[in-house]
């Protein structure tokens, strides 16, 4: 759930100043369909400041038309002790100190902008779906995500200047602004900021980019292709970064003969 924030911290993205936001938020929503199956694909922002007004018009209509909600993963309502705040653990695997420092830096930068996972689009969608009795499932398990973060290369994820402590004080303002700019871009449905962030991540750490985005987009495209063999309407919600750039989920679907269209 923190992958987009961590990717931004690793890439040290510096997007251009965002133009004024429109009165109505319109985060990117796409659709793929065949004769008897419709899959809406919504790009989420995992942590929001609570002031976004995104769950209306096309997004709400697509959600209500859907028979089920599919998220990246189902995060427990109560945090797992130590998750993302202490070293993640898996058999014979120890995450790098630099990655843990980057994770803390990313989370703190988001909090500086008032962003909380509880306000994130994923959690809002899940709460509404559960309240309506709509089935909710995940594209991957939480353990798979934890294992992935444990394998992030140690030389790629650390703050770039000085010690972790120096980075947290000296780089916080810039990263916090980047988080705010990304949130504003998400609200506008502007994918260009995410394309830039992913490009910088790919240049800084190709292995991290492959693990966090390329491989997962491949698996999720296979999941959607298989799901389209059964009738119905599905609302798939994944981080907005997965819908941007040359290795996006949408590109992977097109390579499988499943073209997408933007709804808004």
Protein backbone atom coordinates (compact mmCIF):
# COMPACT_ATOMS: atom_id res chain seq x y z
CA UNK A 1 0.00 0.00 0.00
CA UNK A 2 2.93 2.36 0.43
CA UNK A 3 4.58 1.42 -2.87
CA UNK A 4 3.72 4.68 -4.66
CA UNK A 5 5.03 6.81 -1.79
CA UNK A 6 8.19 4.72 -1.54
CA UNK A 7 8.72 4.88 -5.30
CA UNK A 8 8.48 8.66 -5.14
CA UNK A 9 11.04 8.78 -2.34
CA UNK A 10 13.43 6.51 -4.22
CA UNK A 11 13.05 8.45 -7.45
CA UNK A 12 13.23 11.83 -5.67
CA UNK A 13 10.75 13.11 -8.23
CA UNK A 14 10.47 16.88 -8.70
CA UNK A 15 7.39 17.47 -10.85
CA UNK A 16 6.59 20.90 -12.18
CA UNK A 17 4.31 23.14 -10.21
CA UNK A 18 0.76 21.92 -10.65
CA UNK A 19 -1.84 24.20 -12.23
CA UNK A 20 -4.95 25.12 -10.32
CA UNK A 21 -7.19 22.15 -9.58
CA UNK A 22 -10.65 21.96 -11.12
CA UNK A 23 -13.71 22.24 -8.91
CA UNK A 24 -14.47 18.53 -9.33
CA UNK A 25 -11.79 15.90 -8.86
CA UNK A 26 -11.51 13.47 -11.77
CA UNK A 27 -8.89 10.80 -11.08
CA UNK A 28 -8.23 8.54 -14.04
CA UNK A 29 -10.74 5.75 -14.69
CA UNK A 30 -10.46 3.26 -17.55
CA UNK A 31 -12.59 0.39 -18.82
CA UNK A 32 -12.04 -2.82 -20.78
CA UNK A 33 -14.97 -4.88 -21.99
CA UNK A 34 -16.18 -7.63 -24.25
CA UNK A 35 -19.65 -8.94 -25.07
CA UNK A 36 -20.55 -9.98 -21.51
CA UNK A 37 -17.78 -8.66 -19.22
CA UNK A 38 -16.85 -5.15 -18.13
CA UNK A 39 -13.79 -4.36 -16.02
CA UNK A 40 -13.36 -0.83 -14.73
CA UNK A 41 -9.76 0.00 -13.82
CA UNK A 42 -9.35 2.88 -11.40
CA UNK A 43 -6.05 4.49 -10.45
CA UNK A 44 -6.01 5.16 -6.73
CA UNK A 45 -3.92 7.24 -4.37
CA UNK A 46 -3.20 5.12 -1.32
CA UNK A 47 -3.07 7.99 1.19
CA UNK A 48 -5.11 11.19 0.89
CA UNK A 49 -5.61 14.30 2.96
CA UNK A 50 -9.35 13.80 3.26
CA UNK A 51 -10.20 16.92 1.25
CA UNK A 52 -10.55 15.15 -2.09
CA UNK A 53 -13.97 14.93 -3.73
CA UNK A 54 -13.28 12.10 -6.13
CA UNK A 55 -16.00 9.55 -5.39
CA UNK A 56 -18.71 10.93 -7.60
CA UNK A 57 -20.03 10.99 -11.14
CA UNK A 58 -18.19 8.47 -13.34
CA UNK A 59 -16.24 6.79 -10.53
CA UNK A 60 -19.28 6.29 -8.33
CA UNK A 61 -21.44 5.15 -11.24
CA UNK A 62 -18.84 2.60 -12.35
CA UNK A 63 -18.46 1.36 -8.79
CA UNK A 64 -22.19 0.95 -8.26
CA UNK A 65 -22.58 -0.90 -11.57
CA UNK A 66 -19.90 -3.40 -10.53
CA UNK A 67 -20.62 -6.74 -8.92
CA UNK A 68 -17.34 -6.88 -7.00
CA UNK A 69 -14.37 -4.76 -5.91
CA UNK A 70 -10.80 -5.92 -6.49
CA UNK A 71 -7.92 -4.13 -4.74
CA UNK A 72 -4.16 -4.64 -4.87
CA UNK A 73 -4.38 -6.48 -1.57
CA UNK A 74 -6.61 -6.66 1.49
CA UNK A 75 -4.83 -4.88 4.30
CA UNK A 76 -6.10 -5.81 7.79
CA UNK A 77 -8.19 -3.13 9.45
CA UNK A 78 -5.86 -3.36 12.46
CA UNK A 79 -2.19 -2.90 11.48
CA UNK A 80 0.06 -5.91 11.85
CA UNK A 81 2.45 -5.21 14.75
CA UNK A 82 5.66 -3.75 13.35
CA UNK A 83 4.42 -3.46 9.77
CA UNK A 84 6.31 -0.66 7.96
CA UNK A 85 7.37 0.88 11.27
CA UNK A 86 9.86 -1.81 12.31
CA UNK A 87 11.94 -4.14 10.11
CA UNK A 88 9.75 -6.33 7.93
CA UNK A 89 10.53 -10.00 8.40
CA UNK A 90 10.45 -13.06 6.21
CA UNK A 91 12.39 -16.33 6.49
CA UNK A 92 16.11 -15.74 5.86
CA UNK A 93 15.45 -12.23 4.54
CA UNK A 94 16.44 -8.96 6.18
CA UNK A 95 15.35 -5.71 4.54
CA UNK A 96 18.04 -3.12 4.02
CA UNK A 97 18.36 -0.28 6.47
CA UNK A 98 18.30 2.14 3.54
CA UNK A 99 14.92 0.84 2.36
CA UNK A 100 13.47 1.12 5.86
CA UNK A 101 14.78 4.69 6.10
CA UNK A 102 13.20 5.49 2.73
CA UNK A 103 9.90 3.97 3.83
CA UNK A 104 9.85 6.08 6.98
CA UNK A 105 10.79 9.16 4.99
CA UNK A 106 7.99 8.57 2.48
CA UNK A 107 5.36 7.98 5.17
CA UNK A 108 6.46 11.06 7.12
CA UNK A 109 6.42 13.19 3.98
CA UNK A 110 2.87 12.09 3.25
CA UNK A 111 1.80 12.84 6.80
CA UNK A 112 3.30 16.32 6.49
CA UNK A 113 0.72 16.91 3.75
CA UNK A 114 -2.07 15.53 5.97
CA UNK A 115 -2.24 12.27 4.02
CA UNK A 116 -3.47 9.16 5.78
CA UNK A 117 -4.07 5.64 4.50
CA UNK A 118 -7.50 5.71 6.16
CA UNK A 119 -8.47 8.51 3.76
CA UNK A 120 -6.93 6.75 0.76
CA UNK A 121 -9.11 5.80 -2.18
CA UNK A 122 -8.50 2.08 -1.59
CA UNK A 123 -9.80 2.16 1.97
CA UNK A 124 -12.78 4.36 1.08
CA UNK A 125 -13.80 1.98 -1.71
CA UNK A 126 -13.39 -1.03 0.56
CA UNK A 127 -15.53 0.48 3.32
CA UNK A 128 -18.32 1.37 0.90
CA UNK A 129 -18.20 -2.05 -0.76
CA UNK A 130 -18.39 -3.85 2.59
CA UNK A 131 -21.25 -1.62 3.71
CA UNK A 132 -23.15 -2.48 0.52
CA UNK A 133 -22.39 -6.19 0.80
CA UNK A 134 -20.26 -6.11 -2.35
CA UNK A 135 -17.55 -8.84 -2.47
CA UNK A 136 -13.99 -7.58 -2.05
CA UNK A 137 -10.83 -9.46 -3.00
CA UNK A 138 -7.16 -8.77 -3.62
CA UNK A 139 -4.97 -9.25 -6.67
CA UNK A 140 -2.16 -10.40 -4.40
CA UNK A 141 -1.69 -11.38 -0.78
CA UNK A 142 -0.33 -9.10 1.90
CA UNK A 143 2.48 -11.58 2.49
CA UNK A 144 3.48 -11.32 -1.16
CA UNK A 145 3.77 -7.55 -0.79
CA UNK A 146 5.80 -7.86 2.40
CA UNK A 147 8.13 -10.37 0.73
CA UNK A 148 8.56 -8.00 -2.21
CA UNK A 149 9.56 -5.11 0.04
CA UNK A 150 12.01 -7.42 1.82
CA UNK A 151 13.73 -8.08 -1.51
CA UNK A 152 14.10 -4.44 -2.55
CA UNK A 153 17.81 -3.89 -3.40
CA UNK A 154 19.60 -2.25 -0.51
CA UNK A 155 21.71 0.03 -2.67
CA UNK A 156 18.70 1.50 -4.47
CA UNK A 157 16.28 2.55 -1.79
CA UNK A 158 18.29 4.75 0.50
CA UNK A 159 18.15 8.54 0.79
CA UNK A 160 20.67 10.01 -1.62
CA UNK A 161 22.46 12.54 0.52
CA UNK A 162 24.02 12.03 3.91
CA UNK A 163 22.76 9.77 6.64
CA UNK A 164 19.09 8.73 7.04
CA UNK A 165 18.71 11.34 9.75
CA UNK A 166 20.10 14.09 7.55
CA UNK A 167 17.84 13.03 4.70
CA UNK A 168 14.78 13.06 6.92
CA UNK A 169 15.46 16.67 7.93
CA UNK A 170 17.04 18.10 4.79
CA UNK A 171 14.98 16.27 2.16
CA UNK A 172 11.61 16.26 3.88
CA UNK A 173 10.38 19.58 2.51
CA UNK A 174 11.13 18.64 -1.10
CA UNK A 175 9.64 15.18 -0.80
CA UNK A 176 6.60 16.50 1.02
CA UNK A 177 6.02 18.98 -1.81
CA UNK A 178 6.40 16.15 -4.34
CA UNK A 179 3.76 14.16 -2.47
CA UNK A 180 1.43 17.13 -2.55
CA UNK A 181 2.03 17.65 -6.26
CA UNK A 182 1.34 13.97 -6.96
CA UNK A 183 -1.90 14.10 -4.98
CA UNK A 184 -2.99 17.22 -6.91
CA UNK A 185 -2.13 15.52 -10.21
CA UNK A 186 -4.09 12.43 -9.18
CA UNK A 187 -7.14 14.53 -8.41
CA UNK A 188 -6.94 16.08 -11.89
CA UNK A 189 -6.48 12.71 -13.55
CA UNK A 190 -3.10 13.89 -14.84
CA UNK A 191 -0.92 10.85 -15.50
CA UNK A 192 2.18 12.82 -16.59
CA UNK A 193 3.49 13.29 -13.05
CA UNK A 194 3.39 9.52 -12.48
CA UNK A 195 5.12 8.89 -15.81
CA UNK A 196 7.93 11.22 -14.72
CA UNK A 197 8.20 9.63 -11.28
CA UNK A 198 8.34 6.11 -12.74
CA UNK A 199 10.96 7.13 -15.29
CA UNK A 200 13.18 8.45 -12.52
CA UNK A 201 12.66 5.31 -10.47
CA UNK A 202 13.54 3.12 -13.45
CA UNK A 203 16.75 5.08 -13.96
CA UNK A 204 17.69 5.05 -10.28
CA UNK A 205 16.93 1.37 -9.67
CA UNK A 206 15.83 -0.80 -12.58
CA UNK A 207 15.49 -3.82 -10.29
CA UNK A 208 13.21 -2.00 -7.87
CA UNK A 209 11.12 -0.70 -10.77
CA UNK A 210 10.84 -4.22 -12.20
CA UNK A 211 9.75 -5.73 -8.88
CA UNK A 212 7.32 -3.02 -7.84
CA UNK A 213 5.72 -2.25 -11.20
CA UNK A 214 6.66 -4.31 -14.26
CA UNK A 215 6.23 -7.79 -12.78
CA UNK A 216 3.07 -6.92 -10.89
CA UNK A 217 1.47 -5.27 -13.92
CA UNK A 218 2.18 -8.46 -15.89
CA UNK A 219 0.47 -10.62 -13.25
CA UNK A 220 -2.49 -8.29 -12.94
CA UNK A 221 -2.98 -8.17 -16.71
CA UNK A 222 -3.11 -11.97 -16.70
CA UNK A 223 -5.67 -11.85 -13.88
CA UNK A 224 -7.90 -9.43 -15.81
CA UNK A 225 -7.60 -11.48 -19.00
CA UNK A 226 -8.68 -14.60 -17.09
CA UNK A 227 -11.51 -12.73 -15.34
CA UNK A 228 -12.90 -11.58 -18.68
CA UNK A 229 -13.73 -15.19 -19.49
CA UNK A 230 -16.61 -14.95 -17.00
CA UNK A 231 -19.56 -12.55 -17.36
CA UNK A 232 -20.13 -9.67 -15.01
CA UNK A 233 -18.84 -6.23 -14.06
CA UNK A 234 -15.76 -5.74 -11.90
CA UNK A 235 -14.22 -2.63 -10.36
CA UNK A 236 -10.43 -3.01 -10.11
CA UNK A 237 -8.60 -0.36 -8.07
CA UNK A 238 -4.80 -0.19 -8.12
CA UNK A 239 -2.27 2.56 -7.49
CA UNK A 240 -2.28 5.28 -10.15
CA UNK A 241 1.37 4.59 -10.93
CA UNK A 242 0.40 1.19 -12.30
CA UNK A 243 -1.64 2.88 -15.05
CA UNK A 244 1.14 5.16 -16.30
CA UNK A 245 4.20 4.73 -18.48
CA UNK A 246 5.40 2.18 -21.05
CA UNK A 247 5.13 -0.80 -18.68
CA UNK A 248 1.69 0.03 -17.29
CA UNK A 249 -1.13 -2.39 -16.65
CA UNK A 250 -3.00 -0.81 -19.57
CA UNK A 251 -0.07 -1.43 -21.92
CA UNK A 252 0.19 -5.03 -20.74
CA UNK A 253 -3.52 -5.51 -21.39
CA UNK A 254 -3.17 -4.06 -24.91
CA UNK A 255 -0.35 -6.51 -25.57
CA UNK A 256 -2.80 -9.28 -24.70
CA UNK A 257 -5.33 -7.98 -27.18
CA UNK A 258 -7.44 -6.16 -24.56
CA UNK A 259 -7.62 -2.44 -25.41
CA UNK A 260 -8.73 0.04 -22.76
CA UNK A 261 -10.62 3.30 -22.97
CA UNK A 262 -10.55 6.18 -20.55
CA UNK A 263 -13.95 6.89 -19.02
CA UNK A 264 -13.31 10.42 -17.71
